[in-house]
Amino acid sequence: MKLKNILGTIGAHALLVILSVIWLIPILWLVVTAFSAYPGINISHFFPSEWTVQNFGTVLLKPDSVVQYCVWFKNTFIIAIFTCIISTIFVFMVSYAFSCMRFNGRQGLMTFSLILNMFPGVLSMIAIYFILKSIGLTNSHLGMIIVYSAGSGLGYLIVKGYMDTIPASLREAARIEGANEFQTLTKVILPICRPILVYQVINSFLIPWGDFVFAKLMLNSGLSKDWTVAIGLYNMLDKSLINKYFSIFCAGGLLISVPISILFVIMQKYYVEGVAGGATKG
């Protein structure tokens, strides 16, 4: 029995190692290719024969008709920041209402929201596109911010679960002191919800930061100055450009991951606490 357990543990770990290697190889290839002096796809060697940091200089300092990375980065950052702020506000308002307030239809509304949130967002993309087109918000960063933020309140479950762990006596004490619902939320609940706030901020930021499908659908004017980083990098993979810009594409892909990686490392403690706390109840 002991030998069987040992063999099972070894087999499980071996499988995990194999899956990890398969998962890491494309990422490692992107990283090393970003430092390659060969501009196209080099299939003869995994590691570059010549190393350079010129690709990063081209991405950041030498814009041309194809590469306008700083403009794309600025567009993506603006969309992500505003989406993050609006989505976080929506989620906390909905979570507070469902967790801390009691009203007729509350349970039914919660159930309906959860069911609605289970449907993939891509199912509504065409309808959303034609609605925004009719009001002139296609090829608009404002339109993208509105759509990214509009349905964010449906993702309230984790934050609500965290709020459910906060003793009701704290809210009751605040009401005795004369606080209204808004003051209770901002001065009592939010300070306690710092870990889940970090979790929500990172999640809300990541959605527009890495999105390609909706951005490609919306920003279809062909003007590269309006693109996000995802669209700009995808354009470099065109068959007429890939042999000249693939290493630059890899450098751009590596750079776009740096801000969110730094943010996650700094906020990792609160992020894990937020996920664990939000999963306790709800």
C-alpha atoms as a PDB file:
ATOM      1  CA  MET A   1       0.000   0.000   0.000  1.00  0.00           C
ATOM      2  CA  LYS A   2       2.862   2.334   0.907  1.00  0.00           C
ATOM      3  CA  LEU A   3       4.654   1.557  -2.374  1.00  0.00           C
ATOM      4  CA  LYS A   4       1.431   2.201  -4.277  1.00  0.00           C
ATOM      5  CA  ASN A   5       1.087   5.628  -2.629  1.00  0.00           C
ATOM      6  CA  ILE A   6       4.720   6.490  -3.426  1.00  0.00           C
ATOM      7  CA  LEU A   7       4.305   5.476  -7.073  1.00  0.00           C
ATOM      8  CA  GLY A   8       1.074   7.451  -7.288  1.00  0.00           C
ATOM      9  CA  THR A   9       2.772  10.552  -5.876  1.00  0.00           C
ATOM     10  CA  ILE A  10       5.711  10.195  -8.263  1.00  0.00           C
ATOM     11  CA  GLY A  11       3.360   9.734 -11.216  1.00  0.00           C
ATOM     12  CA  ALA A  12       1.275  12.768 -10.260  1.00  0.00           C
ATOM     13  CA  HIS A  13       4.356  14.952  -9.861  1.00  0.00           C
ATOM     14  CA  ALA A  14       5.826  13.683 -13.136  1.00  0.00           C
ATOM     15  CA  LEU A  15       2.592  14.561 -14.923  1.00  0.00           C
ATOM     16  CA  LEU A  16       2.603  18.035 -13.368  1.00  0.00           C
ATOM     17  CA  VAL A  17       6.220  18.569 -14.453  1.00  0.00           C
ATOM     18  CA  ILE A  18       5.394  17.537 -18.031  1.00  0.00           C
ATOM     19  CA  LEU A  19       2.357  19.835 -18.155  1.00  0.00           C
ATOM     20  CA  SER A  20       4.402  22.698 -16.669  1.00  0.00           C
ATOM     21  CA  VAL A  21       7.118  22.272 -19.312  1.00  0.00           C
ATOM     22  CA  ILE A  22       4.517  22.199 -22.114  1.00  0.00           C
ATOM     23  CA  TRP A  23       2.924  25.348 -20.673  1.00  0.00           C
ATOM     24  CA  LEU A  24       6.228  27.187 -20.160  1.00  0.00           C
ATOM     25  CA  ILE A  25       7.912  26.431 -23.507  1.00  0.00           C
ATOM     26  CA  PRO A  26       5.857  28.958 -25.575  1.00  0.00           C
ATOM     27  CA  ILE A  27       6.408  31.644 -22.932  1.00  0.00           C
ATOM     28  CA  LEU A  28      10.149  30.936 -22.808  1.00  0.00           C
ATOM     29  CA  TRP A  29      10.305  31.002 -26.608  1.00  0.00           C
ATOM     30  CA  LEU A  30       8.578  34.398 -26.673  1.00  0.00           C
ATOM     31  CA  VAL A  31      11.051  35.751 -24.096  1.00  0.00           C
ATOM     32  CA  VAL A  32      14.200  34.550 -25.861  1.00  0.00           C
ATOM     33  CA  THR A  33      12.902  35.580 -29.299  1.00  0.00           C
ATOM     34  CA  ALA A  34      12.359  39.106 -27.968  1.00  0.00           C
ATOM     35  CA  PHE A  35      16.156  39.286 -27.581  1.00  0.00           C
ATOM     36  CA  SER A  36      16.906  37.772 -30.980  1.00  0.00           C
ATOM     37  CA  ALA A  37      18.830  39.718 -33.596  1.00  0.00           C
ATOM     38  CA  TYR A  38      16.962  37.818 -36.320  1.00  0.00           C
ATOM     39  CA  PRO A  39      13.761  39.747 -37.119  1.00  0.00           C
ATOM     40  CA  GLY A  40      11.586  36.862 -38.331  1.00  0.00           C
ATOM     41  CA  ILE A  41      10.627  33.425 -37.037  1.00  0.00           C
ATOM     42  CA  ASN A  42      13.732  31.312 -36.514  1.00  0.00           C
ATOM     43  CA  ILE A  43      12.727  27.647 -36.592  1.00  0.00           C
ATOM     44  CA  SER A  44      16.281  26.299 -36.845  1.00  0.00           C
ATOM     45  CA  HIS A  45      17.203  27.244 -33.267  1.00  0.00           C
ATOM     46  CA  PHE A  46      15.210  27.566 -30.063  1.00  0.00           C
ATOM     47  CA  PHE A  47      17.693  30.053 -28.599  1.00  0.00           C
ATOM     48  CA  PRO A  48      18.901  32.931 -30.794  1.00  0.00           C
ATOM     49  CA  SER A  49      22.364  32.691 -32.337  1.00  0.00           C
ATOM     50  CA  GLU A  50      22.745  36.435 -31.747  1.00  0.00           C
ATOM     51  CA  TRP A  51      21.299  38.389 -28.834  1.00  0.00           C
ATOM     52  CA  THR A  52      20.213  42.026 -28.823  1.00  0.00           C
ATOM     53  CA  VAL A  53      17.985  44.494 -26.991  1.00  0.00           C
ATOM     54  CA  GLN A  54      17.364  46.488 -30.147  1.00  0.00           C
ATOM     55  CA  ASN A  55      13.831  45.086 -30.473  1.00  0.00           C
ATOM     56  CA  PHE A  56      12.816  46.843 -27.268  1.00  0.00           C
ATOM     57  CA  GLY A  57      14.358  50.083 -28.510  1.00  0.00           C
ATOM     58  CA  THR A  58      12.413  49.768 -31.753  1.00  0.00           C
ATOM     59  CA  VAL A  59       9.159  49.139 -29.888  1.00  0.00           C
ATOM     60  CA  LEU A  60       9.569  52.071 -27.505  1.00  0.00           C
ATOM     61  CA  LEU A  61      11.654  54.640 -29.333  1.00  0.00           C
ATOM     62  CA  LYS A  62      11.340  54.091 -33.100  1.00  0.00           C
ATOM     63  CA  PRO A  63       7.689  54.226 -34.166  1.00  0.00           C
ATOM     64  CA  ASP A  64       6.890  53.701 -37.828  1.00  0.00           C
ATOM     65  CA  SER A  65       3.825  52.992 -39.947  1.00  0.00           C
ATOM     66  CA  VAL A  66       3.527  49.502 -38.416  1.00  0.00           C
ATOM     67  CA  VAL A  67       4.836  49.914 -34.864  1.00  0.00           C
ATOM     68  CA  GLN A  68       3.236  52.638 -32.733  1.00  0.00           C
ATOM     69  CA  TYR A  69       3.589  50.860 -29.440  1.00  0.00           C
ATOM     70  CA  CYS A  70       3.588  53.875 -27.113  1.00  0.00           C
ATOM     71  CA  VAL A  71       0.326  55.129 -28.646  1.00  0.00           C
ATOM     72  CA  TRP A  72      -1.239  51.676 -28.311  1.00  0.00           C
ATOM     73  CA  PHE A  73       0.012  51.375 -24.750  1.00  0.00           C
ATOM     74  CA  LYS A  74      -1.496  54.754 -23.864  1.00  0.00           C
ATOM     75  CA  ASN A  75      -4.861  53.787 -25.392  1.00  0.00           C
ATOM     76  CA  THR A  76      -4.904  50.446 -23.586  1.00  0.00           C
ATOM     77  CA  PHE A  77      -3.882  52.033 -20.291  1.00  0.00           C
ATOM     78  CA  ILE A  78      -6.585  54.710 -20.460  1.00  0.00           C
ATOM     79  CA  ILE A  79      -9.295  52.151 -21.260  1.00  0.00           C
ATOM     80  CA  ALA A  80      -8.063  49.811 -18.522  1.00  0.00           C
ATOM     81  CA  ILE A  81      -7.824  52.510 -15.839  1.00  0.00           C
ATOM     82  CA  PHE A  82     -11.308  53.926 -16.416  1.00  0.00           C
ATOM     83  CA  THR A  83     -12.797  50.427 -16.728  1.00  0.00           C
ATOM     84  CA  CYS A  84     -11.067  49.417 -13.509  1.00  0.00           C
ATOM     85  CA  ILE A  85     -12.417  52.394 -11.554  1.00  0.00           C
ATOM     86  CA  ILE A  86     -15.997  52.159 -12.865  1.00  0.00           C
ATOM     87  CA  SER A  87     -16.188  48.354 -12.610  1.00  0.00           C
ATOM     88  CA  THR A  88     -14.843  48.315  -9.062  1.00  0.00           C
ATOM     89  CA  ILE A  89     -17.412  50.911  -7.983  1.00  0.00           C
ATOM     90  CA  PHE A  90     -20.249  48.949  -9.621  1.00  0.00           C
ATOM     91  CA  VAL A  91     -19.176  45.630  -8.104  1.00  0.00           C
ATOM     92  CA  PHE A  92     -18.863  47.037  -4.585  1.00  0.00           C
ATOM     93  CA  MET A  93     -22.213  48.796  -4.794  1.00  0.00           C
ATOM     94  CA  VAL A  94     -23.983  45.637  -5.965  1.00  0.00           C
ATOM     95  CA  SER A  95     -22.141  43.471  -3.443  1.00  0.00           C
ATOM     96  CA  TYR A  96     -23.018  45.792  -0.572  1.00  0.00           C
ATOM     97  CA  ALA A  97     -26.676  45.860  -1.591  1.00  0.00           C
ATOM     98  CA  PHE A  98     -26.920  42.064  -1.776  1.00  0.00           C
ATOM     99  CA  SER A  99     -24.825  41.375   1.321  1.00  0.00           C
ATOM    100  CA  CYS A 100     -25.818  44.115   3.749  1.00  0.00           C
ATOM    101  CA  MET A 101     -29.296  45.250   2.718  1.00  0.00           C
ATOM    102  CA  ARG A 102     -32.611  43.418   2.772  1.00  0.00           C
ATOM    103  CA  PHE A 103     -35.358  44.203   0.271  1.00  0.00           C
ATOM    104  CA  ASN A 104     -38.153  42.455  -1.618  1.00  0.00           C
ATOM    105  CA  GLY A 105     -36.930  40.362  -4.536  1.00  0.00           C
ATOM    106  CA  ARG A 106     -33.336  40.304  -3.304  1.00  0.00           C
ATOM    107  CA  GLN A 107     -32.875  36.545  -3.564  1.00  0.00           C
ATOM    108  CA  GLY A 108     -34.543  36.331  -6.955  1.00  0.00           C
ATOM    109  CA  LEU A 109     -32.437  39.177  -8.299  1.00  0.00           C
ATOM    110  CA  MET A 110     -29.264  37.524  -7.032  1.00  0.00           C
ATOM    111  CA  THR A 111     -30.184  34.246  -8.715  1.00  0.00           C
ATOM    112  CA  PHE A 112     -31.087  35.989 -11.974  1.00  0.00           C
ATOM    113  CA  SER A 113     -27.777  37.897 -11.930  1.00  0.00           C
ATOM    114  CA  LEU A 114     -25.771  34.718 -11.384  1.00  0.00           C
ATOM    115  CA  ILE A 115     -27.560  32.894 -14.198  1.00  0.00           C
ATOM    116  CA  LEU A 116     -27.123  35.845 -16.554  1.00  0.00           C
ATOM    117  CA  ASN A 117     -23.411  36.041 -15.717  1.00  0.00           C
ATOM    118  CA  MET A 118     -22.953  32.398 -16.714  1.00  0.00           C
ATOM    119  CA  PHE A 119     -23.593  33.177 -20.384  1.00  0.00           C
ATOM    120  CA  PRO A 120     -20.407  33.991 -22.338  1.00  0.00           C
ATOM    121  CA  GLY A 121     -20.027  37.644 -23.247  1.00  0.00           C
ATOM    122  CA  VAL A 122     -19.296  36.744 -26.876  1.00  0.00           C
ATOM    123  CA  LEU A 123     -22.946  35.777 -27.339  1.00  0.00           C
ATOM    124  CA  SER A 124     -23.942  39.422 -27.130  1.00  0.00           C
ATOM    125  CA  MET A 125     -21.010  40.946 -29.015  1.00  0.00           C
ATOM    126  CA  ILE A 126     -22.780  41.388 -32.350  1.00  0.00           C
ATOM    127  CA  ALA A 127     -25.834  42.972 -30.721  1.00  0.00           C
ATOM    128  CA  ILE A 128     -23.592  45.278 -28.663  1.00  0.00           C
ATOM    129  CA  TYR A 129     -21.676  46.257 -31.790  1.00  0.00           C
ATOM    130  CA  PHE A 130     -24.793  47.293 -33.701  1.00  0.00           C
ATOM    131  CA  ILE A 131     -26.182  49.169 -30.695  1.00  0.00           C
ATOM    132  CA  LEU A 132     -22.947  51.144 -30.313  1.00  0.00           C
ATOM    133  CA  LYS A 133     -22.760  51.687 -34.066  1.00  0.00           C
ATOM    134  CA  SER A 134     -26.258  53.191 -34.064  1.00  0.00           C
ATOM    135  CA  ILE A 135     -25.223  55.779 -31.461  1.00  0.00           C
ATOM    136  CA  GLY A 136     -21.793  56.454 -32.966  1.00  0.00           C
ATOM    137  CA  LEU A 137     -19.630  54.773 -30.322  1.00  0.00           C
ATOM    138  CA  THR A 138     -17.801  52.256 -32.489  1.00  0.00           C
ATOM    139  CA  ASN A 139     -14.110  53.085 -33.047  1.00  0.00           C
ATOM    140  CA  SER A 140     -14.360  54.917 -29.753  1.00  0.00           C
ATOM    141  CA  HIS A 141     -12.487  54.298 -26.527  1.00  0.00           C
ATOM    142  CA  LEU A 142     -15.496  55.641 -24.645  1.00  0.00           C
ATOM    143  CA  GLY A 143     -17.696  52.937 -26.176  1.00  0.00           C
ATOM    144  CA  MET A 144     -15.230  50.257 -25.098  1.00  0.00           C
ATOM    145  CA  ILE A 145     -15.092  51.602 -21.536  1.00  0.00           C
ATOM    146  CA  ILE A 146     -18.892  51.614 -21.356  1.00  0.00           C
ATOM    147  CA  VAL A 147     -19.193  48.017 -22.536  1.00  0.00           C
ATOM    148  CA  TYR A 148     -16.361  46.685 -20.366  1.00  0.00           C
ATOM    149  CA  SER A 149     -17.894  48.384 -17.313  1.00  0.00           C
ATOM    150  CA  ALA A 150     -21.619  48.016 -17.939  1.00  0.00           C
ATOM    151  CA  GLY A 151     -22.026  44.385 -16.950  1.00  0.00           C
ATOM    152  CA  SER A 152     -19.341  44.322 -14.279  1.00  0.00           C
ATOM    153  CA  GLY A 153     -21.855  44.407 -11.437  1.00  0.00           C
ATOM    154  CA  LEU A 154     -22.924  40.866 -12.338  1.00  0.00           C
ATOM    155  CA  GLY A 155     -19.550  39.628 -11.088  1.00  0.00           C
ATOM    156  CA  TYR A 156     -20.377  40.482  -7.502  1.00  0.00           C
ATOM    157  CA  LEU A 157     -20.266  36.998  -5.983  1.00  0.00           C
ATOM    158  CA  ILE A 158     -16.688  36.905  -4.639  1.00  0.00           C
ATOM    159  CA  VAL A 159     -16.885  40.411  -3.160  1.00  0.00           C
ATOM    160  CA  LYS A 160     -20.279  39.656  -1.643  1.00  0.00           C
ATOM    161  CA  GLY A 161     -18.858  36.505  -0.094  1.00  0.00           C
ATOM    162  CA  TYR A 162     -16.147  38.564   1.559  1.00  0.00           C
ATOM    163  CA  MET A 163     -18.644  41.131   2.825  1.00  0.00           C
ATOM    164  CA  ASP A 164     -20.749  38.308   4.279  1.00  0.00           C
ATOM    165  CA  THR A 165     -17.883  37.571   6.688  1.00  0.00           C
ATOM    166  CA  ILE A 166     -17.998  41.090   8.171  1.00  0.00           C
ATOM    167  CA  PRO A 167     -20.004  41.142  11.424  1.00  0.00           C
ATOM    168  CA  ALA A 168     -23.371  42.871  11.105  1.00  0.00           C
ATOM    169  CA  SER A 169     -22.732  44.509  14.480  1.00  0.00           C
ATOM    170  CA  LEU A 170     -20.273  46.908  12.836  1.00  0.00           C
ATOM    171  CA  ARG A 171     -22.949  48.192  10.465  1.00  0.00           C
ATOM    172  CA  GLU A 172     -25.472  48.424  13.291  1.00  0.00           C
ATOM    173  CA  ALA A 173     -23.015  50.441  15.374  1.00  0.00           C
ATOM    174  CA  ALA A 174     -22.479  52.796  12.439  1.00  0.00           C
ATOM    175  CA  ARG A 175     -26.237  53.302  12.040  1.00  0.00           C
ATOM    176  CA  ILE A 176     -26.595  54.018  15.761  1.00  0.00           C
ATOM    177  CA  GLU A 177     -23.977  56.732  15.317  1.00  0.00           C
ATOM    178  CA  GLY A 178     -26.120  58.239  12.557  1.00  0.00           C
ATOM    179  CA  ALA A 179     -24.321  56.933   9.459  1.00  0.00           C
ATOM    180  CA  ASN A 180     -26.339  56.402   6.302  1.00  0.00           C
ATOM    181  CA  GLU A 181     -25.786  53.516   3.876  1.00  0.00           C
ATOM    182  CA  PHE A 182     -23.183  55.387   1.815  1.00  0.00           C
ATOM    183  CA  GLN A 183     -21.191  56.358   4.898  1.00  0.00           C
ATOM    184  CA  THR A 184     -21.413  52.803   6.220  1.00  0.00           C
ATOM    185  CA  LEU A 185     -20.069  51.465   2.932  1.00  0.00           C
ATOM    186  CA  THR A 186     -17.222  53.965   2.549  1.00  0.00           C
ATOM    187  CA  LYS A 187     -16.134  54.378   6.181  1.00  0.00           C
ATOM    188  CA  VAL A 188     -16.866  50.965   7.720  1.00  0.00           C
ATOM    189  CA  ILE A 189     -17.038  48.280   5.038  1.00  0.00           C
ATOM    190  CA  LEU A 190     -14.424  49.453   2.512  1.00  0.00           C
ATOM    191  CA  PRO A 191     -11.523  49.754   4.993  1.00  0.00           C
ATOM    192  CA  ILE A 192     -12.161  46.156   6.070  1.00  0.00           C
ATOM    193  CA  CYS A 193     -12.438  45.029   2.437  1.00  0.00           C
ATOM    194  CA  ARG A 194      -8.928  46.054   1.412  1.00  0.00           C
ATOM    195  CA  PRO A 195      -7.848  42.527   0.352  1.00  0.00           C
ATOM    196  CA  ILE A 196     -10.927  41.937  -1.787  1.00  0.00           C
ATOM    197  CA  LEU A 197     -10.643  45.485  -3.130  1.00  0.00           C
ATOM    198  CA  VAL A 198      -7.162  44.638  -4.437  1.00  0.00           C
ATOM    199  CA  TYR A 199      -8.529  41.435  -5.959  1.00  0.00           C
ATOM    200  CA  GLN A 200     -11.318  43.328  -7.713  1.00  0.00           C
ATOM    201  CA  VAL A 201      -9.038  46.116  -8.940  1.00  0.00           C
ATOM    202  CA  ILE A 202      -6.594  43.649 -10.518  1.00  0.00           C
ATOM    203  CA  ASN A 203      -9.375  41.612 -12.128  1.00  0.00           C
ATOM    204  CA  SER A 204     -11.121  44.718 -13.478  1.00  0.00           C
ATOM    205  CA  PHE A 205      -7.834  46.007 -14.890  1.00  0.00           C
ATOM    206  CA  LEU A 206      -6.946  42.717 -16.567  1.00  0.00           C
ATOM    207  CA  ILE A 207     -10.152  42.434 -18.602  1.00  0.00           C
ATOM    208  CA  PRO A 208      -9.498  45.338 -21.015  1.00  0.00           C
ATOM    209  CA  TRP A 209      -5.717  45.065 -20.646  1.00  0.00           C
ATOM    210  CA  GLY A 210      -5.533  41.683 -22.343  1.00  0.00           C
ATOM    211  CA  ASP A 211      -8.701  41.701 -24.440  1.00  0.00           C
ATOM    212  CA  PHE A 212      -8.378  41.196 -28.170  1.00  0.00           C
ATOM    213  CA  VAL A 213     -11.697  39.899 -29.517  1.00  0.00           C
ATOM    214  CA  PHE A 214     -13.945  42.773 -28.477  1.00  0.00           C
ATOM    215  CA  ALA A 215     -11.280  45.396 -29.201  1.00  0.00           C
ATOM    216  CA  LYS A 216     -10.794  43.998 -32.702  1.00  0.00           C
ATOM    217  CA  LEU A 217     -14.546  44.070 -33.308  1.00  0.00           C
ATOM    218  CA  MET A 218     -14.981  47.630 -32.073  1.00  0.00           C
ATOM    219  CA  LEU A 219     -11.841  49.371 -33.347  1.00  0.00           C
ATOM    220  CA  ASN A 220     -12.179  48.443 -37.000  1.00  0.00           C
ATOM    221  CA  SER A 221     -11.549  51.779 -38.709  1.00  0.00           C
ATOM    222  CA  GLY A 222      -8.056  50.745 -39.779  1.00  0.00           C
ATOM    223  CA  LEU A 223      -6.470  53.744 -38.029  1.00  0.00           C
ATOM    224  CA  SER A 224      -3.577  52.394 -35.984  1.00  0.00           C
ATOM    225  CA  LYS A 225      -3.597  55.427 -33.687  1.00  0.00           C
ATOM    226  CA  ASP A 226      -6.885  54.142 -32.212  1.00  0.00           C
ATOM    227  CA  TRP A 227      -5.708  50.578 -31.603  1.00  0.00           C
ATOM    228  CA  THR A 228      -4.942  48.868 -28.334  1.00  0.00           C
ATOM    229  CA  VAL A 229      -1.729  46.908 -27.816  1.00  0.00           C
ATOM    230  CA  ALA A 230      -3.462  43.591 -28.549  1.00  0.00           C
ATOM    231  CA  ILE A 231      -4.629  44.763 -31.988  1.00  0.00           C
ATOM    232  CA  GLY A 232      -1.286  46.376 -32.799  1.00  0.00           C
ATOM    233  CA  LEU A 233       0.663  43.242 -31.936  1.00  0.00           C
ATOM    234  CA  TYR A 234      -1.762  41.057 -33.888  1.00  0.00           C
ATOM    235  CA  ASN A 235      -1.259  43.260 -36.947  1.00  0.00           C
ATOM    236  CA  MET A 236       2.480  42.452 -36.871  1.00  0.00           C
ATOM    237  CA  LEU A 237       1.628  38.794 -37.495  1.00  0.00           C
ATOM    238  CA  ASP A 238       0.266  39.581 -40.948  1.00  0.00           C
ATOM    239  CA  LYS A 239       1.990  37.358 -43.499  1.00  0.00           C
ATOM    240  CA  SER A 240       3.480  40.404 -45.228  1.00  0.00           C
ATOM    241  CA  LEU A 241       4.992  41.703 -41.957  1.00  0.00           C
ATOM    242  CA  ILE A 242       5.815  38.697 -39.813  1.00  0.00           C
ATOM    243  CA  ASN A 243       9.269  38.040 -41.289  1.00  0.00           C
ATOM    244  CA  LYS A 244      10.328  41.567 -40.426  1.00  0.00           C
ATOM    245  CA  TYR A 245       8.466  42.207 -37.180  1.00  0.00           C
ATOM    246  CA  PHE A 246       8.176  38.906 -35.315  1.00  0.00           C
ATOM    247  CA  SER A 247      11.004  39.633 -32.854  1.00  0.00           C
ATOM    248  CA  ILE A 248       9.521  43.093 -32.291  1.00  0.00           C
ATOM    249  CA  PHE A 249       6.137  41.437 -31.717  1.00  0.00           C
ATOM    250  CA  CYS A 250       7.710  39.240 -29.014  1.00  0.00           C
ATOM    251  CA  ALA A 251       9.353  42.264 -27.388  1.00  0.00           C
ATOM    252  CA  GLY A 252       6.011  44.082 -27.349  1.00  0.00           C
ATOM    253  CA  GLY A 253       4.281  41.021 -25.906  1.00  0.00           C
ATOM    254  CA  LEU A 254       6.893  40.844 -23.157  1.00  0.00           C
ATOM    255  CA  LEU A 255       6.576  44.532 -22.321  1.00  0.00           C
ATOM    256  CA  ILE A 256       2.783  44.437 -22.023  1.00  0.00           C
ATOM    257  CA  SER A 257       3.083  41.813 -19.293  1.00  0.00           C
ATOM    258  CA  VAL A 258       5.486  43.864 -17.162  1.00  0.00           C
ATOM    259  CA  PRO A 259       3.046  46.369 -15.539  1.00  0.00           C
ATOM    260  CA  ILE A 260       0.488  43.777 -14.500  1.00  0.00           C
ATOM    261  CA  SER A 261       3.236  41.426 -13.272  1.00  0.00           C
ATOM    262  CA  ILE A 262       4.683  44.165 -11.074  1.00  0.00           C
ATOM    263  CA  LEU A 263       1.216  45.062  -9.798  1.00  0.00           C
ATOM    264  CA  PHE A 264       0.468  41.431  -8.975  1.00  0.00           C
ATOM    265  CA  VAL A 265       3.789  40.893  -7.161  1.00  0.00           C
ATOM    266  CA  ILE A 266       3.237  44.004  -5.038  1.00  0.00           C
ATOM    267  CA  MET A 267      -0.387  43.155  -4.272  1.00  0.00           C
ATOM    268  CA  GLN A 268      -0.043  39.355  -4.113  1.00  0.00           C
ATOM    269  CA  LYS A 269      -0.590  39.153  -0.350  1.00  0.00           C
ATOM    270  CA  TYR A 270      -3.865  41.073  -0.507  1.00  0.00           C
ATOM    271  CA  TYR A 271      -4.947  39.263  -3.682  1.00  0.00           C
ATOM    272  CA  VAL A 272      -4.651  35.824  -2.068  1.00  0.00           C
ATOM    273  CA  GLU A 273      -6.373  37.040   1.103  1.00  0.00           C
ATOM    274  CA  GLY A 274      -9.195  38.481  -0.985  1.00  0.00           C
ATOM    275  CA  VAL A 275      -9.759  35.267  -2.942  1.00  0.00           C
ATOM    276  CA  ALA A 276      -9.619  33.127   0.198  1.00  0.00           C
ATOM    277  CA  GLY A 277     -11.909  35.457   2.151  1.00  0.00           C
ATOM    278  CA  GLY A 278     -14.395  35.788  -0.699  1.00  0.00           C
ATOM    279  CA  ALA A 279     -14.645  32.021  -1.062  1.00  0.00           C
ATOM    280  CA  THR A 280     -15.415  31.472   2.618  1.00  0.00           C
ATOM    281  CA  LYS A 281     -19.077  32.408   2.333  1.00  0.00           C
ATOM    282  CA  GLY A 282     -21.527  33.389  -0.339  1.00  0.00           C
END
